[in-house]
Protein backbone atom coordinates (compact mmCIF):
# COMPACT_ATOMS: atom_id res chain seq x y z
CA MET A 1 57.02 -93.61 63.63
CA THR A 2 55.58 -90.80 65.69
CA ILE A 3 53.53 -91.19 68.74
CA PHE A 4 50.28 -90.98 67.38
CA ALA A 5 51.12 -93.82 65.00
CA GLN A 6 52.81 -95.85 67.50
CA PHE A 7 49.31 -95.88 69.84
CA ALA A 8 47.13 -96.26 66.88
CA ALA A 9 49.32 -99.37 66.09
CA HIS A 10 48.68 -100.26 69.95
CA VAL A 11 44.84 -100.07 69.82
CA ASN A 12 44.71 -102.11 66.65
CA THR A 13 46.51 -104.53 67.85
CA ALA A 14 44.78 -104.45 71.10
CA LEU A 15 41.41 -104.96 69.16
CA ASP A 16 43.44 -108.01 67.11
CA ALA A 17 43.39 -109.92 70.46
CA LEU A 18 39.85 -109.01 70.91
CA GLU A 19 38.71 -110.64 67.42
CA ALA A 20 40.82 -113.51 68.47
CA ALA A 21 39.62 -114.02 71.41
CA GLY A 22 35.80 -114.30 69.91
CA LEU A 23 34.95 -110.64 71.85
CA LEU A 24 34.56 -109.01 68.97
CA ALA A 25 33.02 -109.52 65.57
CA VAL A 26 35.75 -109.68 62.79
CA GLY A 27 36.31 -108.00 60.16
CA LEU A 28 34.65 -104.60 61.50
CA ASP A 29 35.70 -100.87 59.55
CA ARG A 30 38.02 -99.37 62.10
CA LYS A 31 38.57 -95.98 59.32
CA ALA A 32 36.87 -93.54 62.12
CA VAL A 33 38.78 -95.15 64.93
CA THR A 34 41.23 -91.86 66.28
CA VAL A 35 44.42 -91.84 68.63
CA GLU A 36 44.23 -88.32 69.47
CA PRO A 37 45.63 -85.73 72.50
CA PRO A 38 42.61 -85.43 74.71
CA ARG A 39 40.51 -82.43 75.10
CA ASP A 40 41.45 -81.85 78.15
CA PRO A 41 45.08 -82.23 79.35
CA SER A 42 44.61 -83.89 82.50
CA HIS A 43 42.70 -86.74 81.82
CA GLY A 44 45.84 -87.87 80.59
CA ASP A 45 48.07 -88.27 77.26
CA LEU A 46 45.72 -89.82 74.73
CA ALA A 47 42.80 -90.40 74.14
CA THR A 48 40.60 -93.54 71.92
CA ASN A 49 37.38 -93.05 70.55
CA ALA A 50 37.79 -97.15 69.58
CA ALA A 51 34.88 -98.29 72.09
CA MET A 52 32.24 -95.62 70.82
CA VAL A 53 32.99 -96.39 66.85
CA LEU A 54 32.89 -100.15 67.36
CA ALA A 55 30.20 -100.81 69.55
CA LYS A 56 27.24 -99.95 67.90
CA PRO A 57 28.34 -102.24 64.66
CA ALA A 58 29.44 -104.79 66.90
CA GLY A 59 26.70 -104.92 69.14
CA THR A 60 27.88 -104.60 71.88
CA ASN A 61 27.94 -101.75 75.13
CA PRO A 62 30.55 -99.12 74.34
CA ARG A 63 31.55 -99.46 78.27
CA ALA A 64 31.66 -103.21 78.35
CA LEU A 65 34.07 -102.46 74.90
CA ALA A 66 36.16 -100.18 76.57
CA GLU A 67 36.99 -102.33 79.18
CA ALA A 68 38.19 -105.17 77.28
CA ILE A 69 40.03 -102.77 75.29
CA ALA A 70 41.67 -101.18 78.15
CA ALA A 71 42.84 -104.75 79.28
CA GLU A 72 44.97 -104.98 76.18
CA LEU A 73 45.98 -101.73 75.96
CA GLY A 74 47.32 -101.70 79.76
CA LYS A 75 49.53 -104.57 78.85
CA VAL A 76 51.54 -102.13 76.41
CA SER A 77 55.16 -100.82 77.98
CA GLY A 78 54.79 -97.25 78.64
CA VAL A 79 51.66 -97.44 79.38
CA ARG A 80 50.41 -96.36 82.94
CA ALA A 81 46.87 -96.13 83.18
CA VAL A 82 44.14 -97.08 81.09
CA GLU A 83 40.92 -95.01 82.00
CA ILE A 84 37.49 -95.05 80.49
CA ALA A 85 35.48 -91.56 80.40
CA GLY A 86 32.10 -90.90 79.97
CA PRO A 87 30.29 -93.45 77.57
CA GLY A 88 33.35 -95.19 76.66
CA PHE A 89 36.32 -93.15 75.91
CA LEU A 90 39.45 -94.49 76.38
CA ASN A 91 42.30 -91.73 78.17
CA LEU A 92 45.97 -92.91 78.39
CA ARG A 93 48.04 -92.03 80.72
CA LEU A 94 52.09 -92.83 79.35
CA ASP A 95 55.15 -92.81 80.73
CA PRO A 96 57.35 -89.97 81.11
CA ALA A 97 60.21 -91.80 79.03
CA ILE A 98 57.50 -92.17 75.67
CA TRP A 99 58.12 -88.38 75.82
CA LEU A 100 61.43 -88.22 76.06
CA ASP A 101 62.08 -90.73 73.32
CA GLU A 102 59.44 -88.60 71.34
CA LEU A 103 62.06 -85.19 72.01
CA ARG A 104 64.75 -87.09 70.74
CA ALA A 105 63.16 -88.06 67.52
CA ILE A 106 62.55 -84.61 66.91
CA ALA A 107 66.00 -84.24 67.34
CA ALA A 108 67.35 -87.49 65.28
CA GLN A 109 64.48 -86.22 62.04
CA GLY A 110 65.26 -82.67 62.56
CA ASP A 111 63.99 -81.09 59.28
CA ASP A 112 61.71 -84.49 58.76
CA TYR A 113 60.44 -84.03 61.63
CA GLY A 114 56.47 -84.15 60.66
CA ARG A 115 57.49 -85.42 57.37
CA SER A 116 54.50 -88.14 55.87
CA GLY A 117 54.13 -90.72 53.89
CA LEU A 118 50.74 -90.68 53.44
CA GLY A 119 50.47 -89.54 49.67
CA THR A 120 52.77 -92.61 48.98
CA GLY A 121 53.79 -90.58 45.83
CA LYS A 122 51.04 -90.08 44.01
CA THR A 123 51.09 -86.96 41.80
CA VAL A 124 48.87 -84.23 42.67
CA ASN A 125 48.38 -80.98 40.67
CA VAL A 126 47.61 -77.81 42.61
CA GLU A 127 46.65 -75.18 40.06
CA TYR A 128 46.56 -71.89 42.19
CA VAL A 129 46.53 -67.60 40.94
CA SER A 130 45.69 -68.12 37.40
CA ALA A 131 44.45 -64.68 37.33
CA ASN A 132 44.10 -62.73 33.98
CA PRO A 133 47.22 -61.58 31.89
CA THR A 134 45.71 -58.28 32.45
CA GLY A 135 47.73 -56.23 35.05
CA PRO A 136 49.84 -56.78 38.17
CA MET A 137 48.76 -58.95 40.64
CA HIS A 138 46.51 -57.23 43.52
CA MET A 139 45.41 -58.63 46.60
CA GLY A 140 42.67 -59.78 45.69
CA HIS A 141 44.82 -62.75 44.68
CA CYS A 142 47.12 -62.57 47.58
CA ARG A 143 44.73 -65.29 49.33
CA GLY A 144 44.39 -67.50 46.89
CA ALA A 145 47.66 -67.68 46.06
CA VAL A 146 49.44 -67.63 49.71
CA VAL A 147 46.92 -70.76 50.69
CA GLY A 148 47.68 -72.62 47.11
CA ASP A 149 51.45 -72.79 47.70
CA ALA A 150 51.10 -73.32 51.56
CA LEU A 151 48.86 -76.25 50.21
CA ALA A 152 51.36 -77.24 47.94
CA ASN A 153 53.93 -77.69 50.17
CA LEU A 154 52.21 -79.38 52.80
CA LEU A 155 50.91 -81.81 50.26
CA GLN A 156 54.46 -82.45 49.15
CA PHE A 157 55.47 -82.74 53.13
CA ALA A 158 52.80 -85.03 53.32
CA GLY A 159 54.55 -87.40 50.88
CA TYR A 160 52.68 -86.60 47.46
CA LYS A 161 54.50 -85.65 44.32
CA VAL A 162 53.57 -81.76 44.05
CA THR A 163 53.17 -80.18 40.52
CA ARG A 164 52.64 -76.25 40.85
CA GLU A 165 50.31 -74.74 37.93
CA TYR A 166 49.26 -71.22 36.32
CA TYR A 167 45.93 -71.36 33.82
CA VAL A 168 46.94 -68.24 31.82
CA ASN A 169 43.37 -67.15 30.60
CA ASP A 170 45.03 -66.15 26.94
CA ALA A 171 42.59 -66.32 24.80
CA GLY A 172 39.38 -64.61 26.34
CA GLY A 173 37.93 -61.77 25.53
CA GLN A 174 40.01 -59.49 28.38
CA VAL A 175 42.97 -59.93 26.31
CA ASP A 176 41.74 -58.15 23.51
CA VAL A 177 40.76 -55.57 25.72
CA LEU A 178 44.13 -55.55 27.01
CA ALA A 179 45.88 -55.22 23.44
CA ARG A 180 43.35 -52.51 22.88
CA SER A 181 44.47 -50.72 25.59
CA VAL A 182 48.22 -51.23 25.19
CA HIS A 183 47.37 -49.64 21.47
CA LEU A 184 46.63 -46.41 23.21
CA ARG A 185 49.56 -46.58 25.57
CA TYR A 186 51.44 -47.31 22.15
CA ARG A 187 50.56 -44.28 20.23
CA GLU A 188 50.88 -42.36 23.71
CA ALA A 189 54.53 -43.47 23.51
CA LEU A 190 54.58 -41.63 19.76
CA GLY A 191 53.72 -38.87 21.23
CA GLU A 192 49.86 -38.50 21.10
CA ASP A 193 47.62 -37.36 23.13
CA VAL A 194 45.23 -39.89 24.03
CA GLY A 195 43.16 -38.11 26.77
CA ALA A 196 41.33 -39.55 29.28
CA ILE A 197 41.53 -43.84 28.69
CA PRO A 198 37.54 -44.68 27.72
CA ASP A 199 35.46 -46.91 30.34
CA GLY A 200 35.86 -50.32 29.32
CA LEU A 201 39.58 -50.51 28.39
CA TYR A 202 42.35 -51.08 31.26
CA PRO A 203 43.62 -47.66 32.66
CA GLY A 204 46.70 -48.52 34.81
CA ASP A 205 49.45 -46.91 33.94
CA TYR A 206 51.63 -50.28 34.23
CA LEU A 207 50.92 -50.53 30.42
CA VAL A 208 52.97 -47.55 29.46
CA PRO A 209 55.83 -49.94 29.65
CA VAL A 210 54.49 -52.00 27.18
CA GLY A 211 53.34 -49.50 24.85
CA GLN A 212 56.89 -47.86 24.84
CA LYS A 213 58.23 -51.27 24.01
CA LEU A 214 55.80 -51.45 20.92
CA ALA A 215 57.01 -48.18 20.07
CA ALA A 216 60.61 -48.74 19.44
CA GLU A 217 59.96 -52.15 18.01
CA TYR A 218 57.67 -50.67 15.73
CA GLY A 219 57.58 -46.98 15.22
CA ASP A 220 54.43 -45.94 13.79
CA LYS A 221 53.67 -49.17 11.86
CA PHE A 222 50.45 -49.72 13.50
CA VAL A 223 49.03 -45.99 14.46
CA ALA A 224 46.69 -45.69 11.50
CA ALA A 225 46.57 -49.50 11.00
CA PRO A 226 43.76 -51.23 11.22
CA GLU A 227 42.75 -53.01 14.12
CA SER A 228 43.15 -56.98 12.36
CA ALA A 229 46.67 -55.58 11.76
CA TRP A 230 47.92 -55.97 15.21
CA LEU A 231 45.47 -56.99 17.48
CA GLU A 232 47.57 -60.11 18.06
CA THR A 233 50.95 -58.62 18.08
CA PHE A 234 49.49 -56.40 20.95
CA ARG A 235 47.84 -59.31 22.31
CA GLN A 236 50.85 -61.71 22.78
CA THR A 237 53.38 -58.45 23.64
CA ALA A 238 50.72 -57.23 26.37
CA VAL A 239 49.96 -61.01 27.58
CA ALA A 240 54.20 -61.50 27.98
CA MET A 241 55.22 -58.30 29.49
CA MET A 242 51.99 -58.95 32.43
CA MET A 243 53.11 -62.51 32.73
CA ASP A 244 56.49 -61.28 33.58
CA MET A 245 54.96 -58.79 35.73
CA ILE A 246 52.52 -61.20 37.82
CA ARG A 247 55.82 -63.74 38.07
CA SER A 248 57.74 -61.42 39.32
CA ASP A 249 55.12 -60.04 41.86
CA LEU A 250 54.71 -63.64 43.05
CA ALA A 251 58.55 -64.19 43.44
CA LEU A 252 58.32 -61.47 46.23
CA LEU A 253 55.56 -64.12 48.36
CA GLY A 254 58.11 -66.37 47.78
CA ILE A 255 55.93 -68.42 45.03
CA HIS A 256 57.10 -70.11 41.93
CA HIS A 257 54.89 -72.13 39.45
CA ASP A 258 56.38 -75.18 37.89
CA ILE A 259 54.04 -75.05 34.82
CA PHE A 260 52.06 -71.87 33.23
CA ALA A 261 49.73 -74.04 30.99
CA SER A 262 48.20 -71.50 28.17
CA GLU A 263 44.50 -71.38 27.24
CA ALA A 264 45.32 -70.51 24.01
CA GLU A 265 47.20 -73.24 23.72
CA VAL A 266 45.26 -75.60 24.56
CA GLN A 267 42.72 -74.62 21.53
CA ARG A 268 45.35 -74.59 19.58
CA ALA A 269 46.76 -78.34 20.37
CA LYS A 270 42.89 -79.30 19.60
CA LYS A 271 42.26 -80.01 23.25
CA PRO A 272 38.27 -79.18 23.65
CA GLU A 273 37.79 -81.07 20.23
CA ALA A 274 39.29 -84.31 22.43
CA ALA A 275 37.02 -83.58 25.14
CA GLU A 276 33.80 -83.19 23.43
CA ALA A 277 34.42 -86.20 21.04
CA PHE A 278 35.85 -88.08 24.34
CA LEU A 279 32.40 -87.43 25.65
CA ARG A 280 30.20 -87.62 22.45
CA GLU A 281 31.67 -91.33 22.00
CA ARG A 282 29.92 -92.11 25.35
CA GLY A 283 27.13 -90.50 25.38
CA LEU A 284 27.67 -87.23 27.86
CA VAL A 285 27.63 -84.45 24.72
CA TYR A 286 24.77 -84.08 22.68
CA ASP A 287 23.16 -81.57 20.64
CA GLY A 288 19.89 -80.06 22.15
CA GLU A 289 18.50 -76.39 22.98
CA LEU A 290 19.28 -74.89 26.43
CA GLU A 291 16.04 -73.57 28.70
CA PRO A 292 14.34 -70.66 28.56
CA PRO A 293 16.18 -68.17 31.53
CA LYS A 294 14.21 -68.00 34.59
CA GLY A 295 12.37 -65.26 35.60
CA GLU A 296 10.56 -62.87 33.04
CA PRO A 297 9.94 -63.96 29.95
CA ASP A 298 12.65 -62.16 27.58
CA PRO A 299 11.13 -61.39 24.42
CA ASP A 300 14.52 -61.31 22.31
CA TRP A 301 15.15 -65.32 23.57
CA GLU A 302 15.45 -67.57 21.21
CA PRO A 303 16.01 -71.24 21.02
CA VAL A 304 19.23 -72.30 19.81
CA THR A 305 20.88 -75.93 19.24
CA LEU A 306 23.86 -75.99 21.07
CA PRO A 307 26.32 -79.08 22.29
CA LEU A 308 25.41 -79.95 25.75
CA PHE A 309 27.13 -81.68 28.66
CA LYS A 310 25.14 -83.98 30.34
CA SER A 311 25.92 -82.60 33.72
CA THR A 312 22.96 -83.37 35.28
CA LEU A 313 23.87 -87.56 35.05
CA PHE A 314 26.82 -85.88 38.05
CA GLY A 315 24.44 -83.30 40.04
CA ASP A 316 24.20 -80.37 38.47
CA ASP A 317 21.14 -78.70 38.15
CA GLN A 318 20.85 -78.25 34.31
CA ASP A 319 23.33 -79.33 30.86
CA ARG A 320 25.80 -77.09 30.66
CA PRO A 321 27.15 -75.80 26.73
CA ILE A 322 30.61 -76.17 25.48
CA ARG A 323 30.07 -74.22 22.82
CA LYS A 324 28.54 -71.00 21.67
CA SER A 325 26.10 -70.22 18.64
CA ASP A 326 28.87 -68.58 16.97
CA GLY A 327 30.72 -72.15 17.36
CA SER A 328 33.39 -70.67 19.58
CA TRP A 329 33.82 -72.29 22.84
CA THR A 330 32.37 -71.49 26.10
CA TYR A 331 34.89 -70.66 29.04
CA PHE A 332 33.32 -73.64 30.15
CA GLY A 333 34.01 -75.89 27.22
CA ALA A 334 37.45 -74.79 27.14
CA ASP A 335 37.90 -75.52 30.92
CA MET A 336 36.47 -79.27 30.83
CA ALA A 337 39.19 -79.41 28.05
CA TYR A 338 42.27 -78.04 30.31
CA HIS A 339 41.06 -80.31 33.12
CA PHE A 340 41.07 -83.17 31.04
CA GLN A 341 44.46 -82.20 29.92
CA LYS A 342 45.88 -81.98 33.68
CA ALA A 343 44.36 -85.35 34.34
CA GLN A 344 46.44 -87.10 31.93
CA ASN A 345 49.36 -86.25 34.99
CA ALA A 346 47.77 -86.83 38.05
CA ASP A 347 45.83 -89.06 40.39
CA ARG A 348 44.72 -85.75 42.09
CA LEU A 349 43.82 -82.03 41.35
CA ILE A 350 43.40 -79.46 43.00
CA ASP A 351 42.11 -76.08 42.05
CA ILE A 352 42.26 -72.62 44.32
CA TRP A 353 39.57 -70.23 43.17
CA GLY A 354 37.88 -67.62 44.68
CA ALA A 355 34.96 -67.50 45.91
CA ASP A 356 33.04 -65.36 42.81
CA HIS A 357 33.27 -68.78 41.55
CA ALA A 358 31.34 -71.09 43.69
CA GLY A 359 28.29 -70.85 40.76
CA THR A 360 31.05 -73.02 38.66
CA VAL A 361 32.06 -75.35 41.08
CA LYS A 362 29.56 -78.78 40.61
CA ARG A 363 30.20 -78.62 36.42
CA ILE A 364 33.38 -78.63 35.95
CA LYS A 365 33.71 -81.62 38.76
CA ALA A 366 30.98 -83.12 36.77
CA SER A 367 33.32 -82.88 33.43
CA VAL A 368 36.04 -84.44 35.28
CA GLU A 369 34.45 -87.12 37.00
CA ALA A 370 33.12 -87.76 33.24
CA LEU A 371 36.15 -87.15 31.74
CA THR A 372 38.25 -89.72 34.24
CA GLY A 373 35.80 -91.86 34.77
CA GLY A 374 36.13 -90.81 38.39
CA SER A 375 39.39 -92.05 38.77
CA VAL A 376 41.31 -88.60 39.28
CA ASP A 377 40.12 -86.94 42.51
CA PHE A 378 39.53 -83.63 41.86
CA ASP A 379 38.92 -81.14 44.51
CA VAL A 380 37.69 -77.06 44.53
CA LYS A 381 38.99 -74.64 47.40
CA LEU A 382 37.19 -71.68 47.32
CA VAL A 383 39.09 -69.23 49.12
CA GLN A 384 36.88 -66.08 50.29
CA MET A 385 37.82 -62.21 49.93
CA VAL A 386 40.13 -60.27 52.01
CA ARG A 387 39.30 -56.59 52.97
CA LEU A 388 42.44 -54.04 53.23
CA LEU A 389 42.05 -52.20 56.46
CA ARG A 390 44.54 -49.35 58.17
CA GLY A 391 43.74 -48.51 61.88
CA GLY A 392 40.02 -49.89 61.35
CA GLU A 393 39.08 -47.77 58.02
CA PRO A 394 39.39 -49.60 54.83
CA ILE A 395 42.67 -48.20 52.39
CA LYS A 396 42.43 -46.01 49.41
CA MET A 397 42.99 -48.12 46.25
CA SER A 398 46.36 -47.43 44.52
CA LYS A 399 45.89 -44.74 41.83
CA ARG A 400 48.71 -46.16 39.93
CA ALA A 401 47.62 -49.52 39.10
CA GLY A 402 43.93 -48.17 38.37
CA ASN A 403 41.38 -49.37 40.57
CA PHE A 404 43.17 -51.75 42.99
CA VAL A 405 45.87 -52.52 45.82
CA THR A 406 48.80 -54.36 44.20
CA LEU A 407 50.42 -56.98 46.04
CA ALA A 408 53.94 -55.64 45.16
CA ASP A 409 53.00 -53.00 47.64
CA VAL A 410 51.51 -54.88 50.29
CA VAL A 411 54.46 -57.35 50.30
CA ARG A 412 57.14 -54.30 50.81
CA GLU A 413 55.32 -52.15 53.52
CA VAL A 414 54.62 -55.18 55.51
CA GLY A 415 57.45 -57.85 54.56
CA LYS A 416 56.57 -61.49 53.16
CA ASP A 417 56.70 -63.37 56.02
CA VAL A 418 53.82 -61.34 57.38
CA VAL A 419 52.01 -61.43 54.59
CA ARG A 420 52.03 -64.90 53.99
CA PHE A 421 51.19 -66.06 57.76
CA THR A 422 48.88 -63.84 57.93
CA MET A 423 46.55 -65.34 54.97
CA LEU A 424 46.96 -68.19 56.48
CA THR A 425 44.72 -67.81 59.90
CA ARG A 426 41.66 -68.29 59.09
CA LYS A 427 40.14 -71.32 57.09
CA ALA A 428 40.25 -70.10 53.46
CA ASP A 429 36.52 -69.61 53.13
CA ALA A 430 36.06 -67.72 55.47
CA GLN A 431 36.68 -64.05 54.87
CA MET A 432 38.68 -62.05 56.33
CA ASP A 433 40.54 -58.51 57.11
CA PHE A 434 44.06 -57.34 56.40
CA ASP A 435 44.81 -54.44 59.03
CA PHE A 436 48.44 -52.87 58.21
CA ALA A 437 48.43 -52.00 61.40
CA LYS A 438 47.35 -55.19 63.63
CA VAL A 439 49.74 -57.57 60.96
CA VAL A 440 52.79 -55.42 62.87
CA GLU A 441 51.42 -55.27 66.40
CA ALA A 442 54.16 -56.52 68.64
CA SER A 443 51.07 -58.18 70.76
CA LYS A 444 50.06 -61.67 71.90
CA ASP A 445 47.15 -60.63 69.61
CA ASN A 446 49.09 -60.38 66.88
CA PRO A 447 50.02 -64.53 65.71
CA VAL A 448 52.22 -63.91 62.83
CA PHE A 449 54.14 -61.86 66.09
CA TYR A 450 53.32 -64.17 68.98
CA VAL A 451 55.05 -67.55 66.82
CA GLN A 452 57.91 -65.44 65.72
CA TYR A 453 58.74 -64.58 68.93
CA ALA A 454 58.55 -67.37 70.56
CA HIS A 455 60.91 -68.90 67.97
CA ALA A 456 63.41 -65.86 68.73
CA ARG A 457 63.14 -65.93 72.56
CA ILE A 458 64.33 -69.84 71.83
CA CYS A 459 66.87 -68.61 69.67
CA SER A 460 67.79 -65.72 72.36
CA THR A 461 68.11 -68.22 74.74
CA LEU A 462 70.59 -70.87 73.39
CA ARG A 463 72.54 -67.74 72.48
CA LYS A 464 72.66 -65.97 76.42
CA ALA A 465 72.77 -69.60 77.69
CA GLU A 466 76.02 -70.37 75.78
CA ALA A 467 77.54 -66.77 76.11
CA GLU A 468 77.17 -66.25 79.59
CA GLU A 469 77.20 -69.91 81.37
CA GLY A 470 78.66 -71.70 78.48
CA PHE A 471 75.97 -74.22 78.42
CA LYS A 472 74.82 -76.25 75.91
CA PRO A 473 71.46 -78.39 74.89
CA GLY A 474 72.06 -81.88 75.71
CA ALA A 475 70.00 -85.06 75.79
CA GLU A 476 72.14 -86.59 78.84
CA HIS A 477 69.79 -85.84 81.69
CA LEU A 478 66.70 -85.38 79.95
CA HIS A 479 65.22 -87.37 83.08
CA LEU A 480 65.54 -84.44 84.95
CA LEU A 481 62.35 -82.71 83.04
CA GLY A 482 59.17 -82.38 84.97
CA ALA A 483 55.51 -82.16 83.79
CA GLU A 484 55.80 -79.08 82.71
CA GLU A 485 58.48 -79.61 80.22
CA LEU A 486 56.74 -82.59 79.47
CA ALA A 487 53.61 -80.68 78.41
CA LEU A 488 55.65 -78.67 75.90
CA VAL A 489 57.14 -82.27 74.51
CA ARG A 490 53.17 -82.95 73.88
CA GLU A 491 52.33 -79.73 71.87
CA ALA A 492 55.18 -80.14 69.83
CA ALA A 493 54.47 -84.13 69.06
CA ASN A 494 51.37 -82.91 67.52
CA LEU A 495 52.87 -81.37 63.87
CA PRO A 496 53.14 -84.99 62.47
CA ARG A 497 49.46 -85.37 63.10
CA VAL A 498 48.69 -81.90 62.28
CA VAL A 499 50.66 -82.60 59.06
CA GLU A 500 47.86 -85.56 57.90
CA ALA A 501 44.78 -84.16 59.10
CA ALA A 502 45.61 -81.02 57.35
CA ALA A 503 46.98 -82.44 54.23
CA LYS A 504 43.95 -84.93 53.95
CA ALA A 505 41.36 -82.19 54.71
CA GLY A 506 43.62 -79.77 52.02
CA GLU A 507 43.38 -76.98 54.99
CA PRO A 508 47.20 -75.59 55.52
CA HIS A 509 45.49 -72.81 57.73
CA ARG A 510 46.08 -75.80 60.60
CA ILE A 511 49.57 -75.57 60.92
CA ALA A 512 48.88 -71.93 61.90
CA PHE A 513 46.65 -72.85 64.36
CA PHE A 514 49.00 -75.64 65.70
CA LEU A 515 51.94 -72.94 65.52
CA GLY A 516 49.22 -70.78 67.43
CA ASP A 517 49.10 -73.40 70.25
CA LEU A 518 52.36 -74.43 70.67
CA ALA A 519 53.73 -70.78 70.77
CA ALA A 520 50.98 -70.38 73.60
CA ALA A 521 52.05 -73.28 75.39
CA PHE A 522 56.13 -72.14 75.28
CA HIS A 523 55.40 -68.34 76.29
CA ALA A 524 53.42 -70.20 79.05
CA TYR A 525 56.12 -71.56 80.49
CA TRP A 526 58.42 -69.06 80.34
CA ASN A 527 55.97 -66.46 82.21
CA LEU A 528 55.93 -69.33 84.79
CA GLY A 529 60.06 -68.98 84.99
CA ASN A 530 59.06 -65.07 86.25
CA ASP A 531 57.33 -66.05 88.82
CA ARG A 532 59.26 -68.96 89.88
CA PRO A 533 63.11 -68.86 88.70
CA ASP A 534 63.55 -72.67 89.21
CA LYS A 535 61.44 -72.96 86.09
CA ARG A 536 63.85 -70.95 83.91
CA PHE A 537 65.69 -71.78 80.86
CA ILE A 538 68.70 -71.28 82.03
CA LEU A 539 70.10 -72.21 85.63
CA ALA A 540 73.40 -71.00 86.73
CA GLN A 541 73.67 -73.93 89.79
CA SER A 542 72.06 -76.29 87.22
CA PRO A 543 74.35 -77.21 84.79
CA GLU A 544 72.58 -80.40 83.89
CA LEU A 545 69.21 -79.05 84.62
CA SER A 546 69.44 -76.39 81.87
CA SER A 547 71.58 -78.42 79.43
CA ALA A 548 67.93 -80.89 79.38
CA ARG A 549 65.78 -77.47 79.23
CA LEU A 550 67.82 -76.00 76.42
CA PHE A 551 67.57 -79.66 74.46
CA LEU A 552 63.77 -78.95 75.13
CA ALA A 553 63.87 -75.44 73.52
CA GLU A 554 66.21 -76.30 70.78
CA ARG A 555 63.68 -79.08 69.86
CA LEU A 556 60.63 -76.52 70.17
CA GLY A 557 62.60 -74.18 67.93
CA GLN A 558 63.14 -77.14 65.58
CA VAL A 559 59.08 -77.77 65.53
CA VAL A 560 58.20 -73.95 64.85
CA ARG A 561 60.81 -73.46 61.88
CA ASN A 562 59.21 -77.23 60.32
CA GLY A 563 55.73 -75.95 60.52
CA LEU A 564 56.58 -71.83 59.36
CA ARG A 565 58.48 -73.52 56.22
CA LEU A 566 55.05 -75.34 55.18
CA MET A 567 53.53 -71.83 55.52
CA GLY A 568 56.81 -70.61 53.56
CA VAL A 569 57.59 -68.15 56.28
CA GLU A 570 61.01 -67.88 57.28
CA ALA A 571 61.61 -68.40 61.10
CA ALA A 572 62.81 -65.09 63.08
CA THR A 573 66.10 -65.79 65.25
CA GLN A 574 66.41 -62.01 66.80
CA MET A 575 63.69 -59.49 67.30
């Protein structure tokens, strides 16, 4: 149990005692009660809002309740003082031994420090990337890929069973366009001059190998054949090769999915029909006419009877068609069935979508609620676009790819770890710039460098201590650590709390923020040693104190590694 969980339990015990004594109403909801670090470290070690959030429902004065809680918390072993701040916040000052115990806990738990049982083994399906299989990954896909993968790591660390899924959109019109584009490359591979790629087809030369493969396999069999003779074959081959390319691109980022679900297979298995029948039985799908388009009247518009899902019952602004007038499925109808399929094997669904899909969130949430009866939690995380810059200037597009910058080219230039860390330095729904010059800059203004440098400094210090002085980390003399060192322990001890908060919110960027704060605290202490030689980690004349500080440094390195692992980033050992 981490220090925050321990003191949350102590607060609950104090509240139980007040209930038993008749000083607090029984059965009050305590979900909003928190134990956190105070905003200002000078105010103490821990703070709780218990009196503030419980006073109103208890029908009492916050400060009076704070005094009663403070009296109970003052009895807890290791609490030196309980102070009431403002209208009723409680600040606790702890015995240093509490923090030294936490330091030992970091050592004992190692790679598992920060791990949580929050998920209680529940299953979460995280679907991310799901780019159309029409070409290589580009940087428009990158941020969602990293956010989704880091979120999956985070949820797994927080005690959930996680399934990483990619939905292959291989049943829509875009894959027919892909097949037609490949047919041109097929003819080209057989020696025909196909000229410029026509508008409406995919121009990238990444399709050249697909055409060559088909030419080698079929010769000129399909050169003059009607489209109906080759479309399905070319579509299947192209999609398979594009997915191989996509898997390869994602592997450069260290991303591997557990399931690649095919839209075509979902439709062949009649899953949309099953979803429609399920909803019709419950009166949630009916045959009706859509409202005319808003704005200027369209003289060509005619009312058509379509099967409509009653999404207005779930907060949508209009009911949504699940089939088109020709009987084929709308994208929403197929997507609804796919989510129904996912929900069969999960307690919770999370989709990572580009912000341009924001308009469809409400309807797909409505369908999941209708199909599961609200038994499966469902959330959509929207990810904003990334603007690529070089020295502050927008970069030119890749001619090889057709009209975009490939993910592979970016990773090969700056490295996987730089790309992944940078993509998590802002909240996912906030726009961000990716400047090739900035992300590799060796300065404190670059969070990637700043965190990696902290870990590399720790590793270098440990190597130097042993090589030059024969000093090794040891826990025998931790009592020699002073206030500045304990402040570092307090910072590191936030990891378990941040993991749970980030998992609950579905926000992996919080790990990056935490690591930035921890790195800043470490570098500040290091710089203190430049001004005050007695604060250095290695003191030739003080082997016992050096051993204790090296133990502290080693534990800080462990916490940094644990956080970076959640982000899918390797910790640098030298820079």
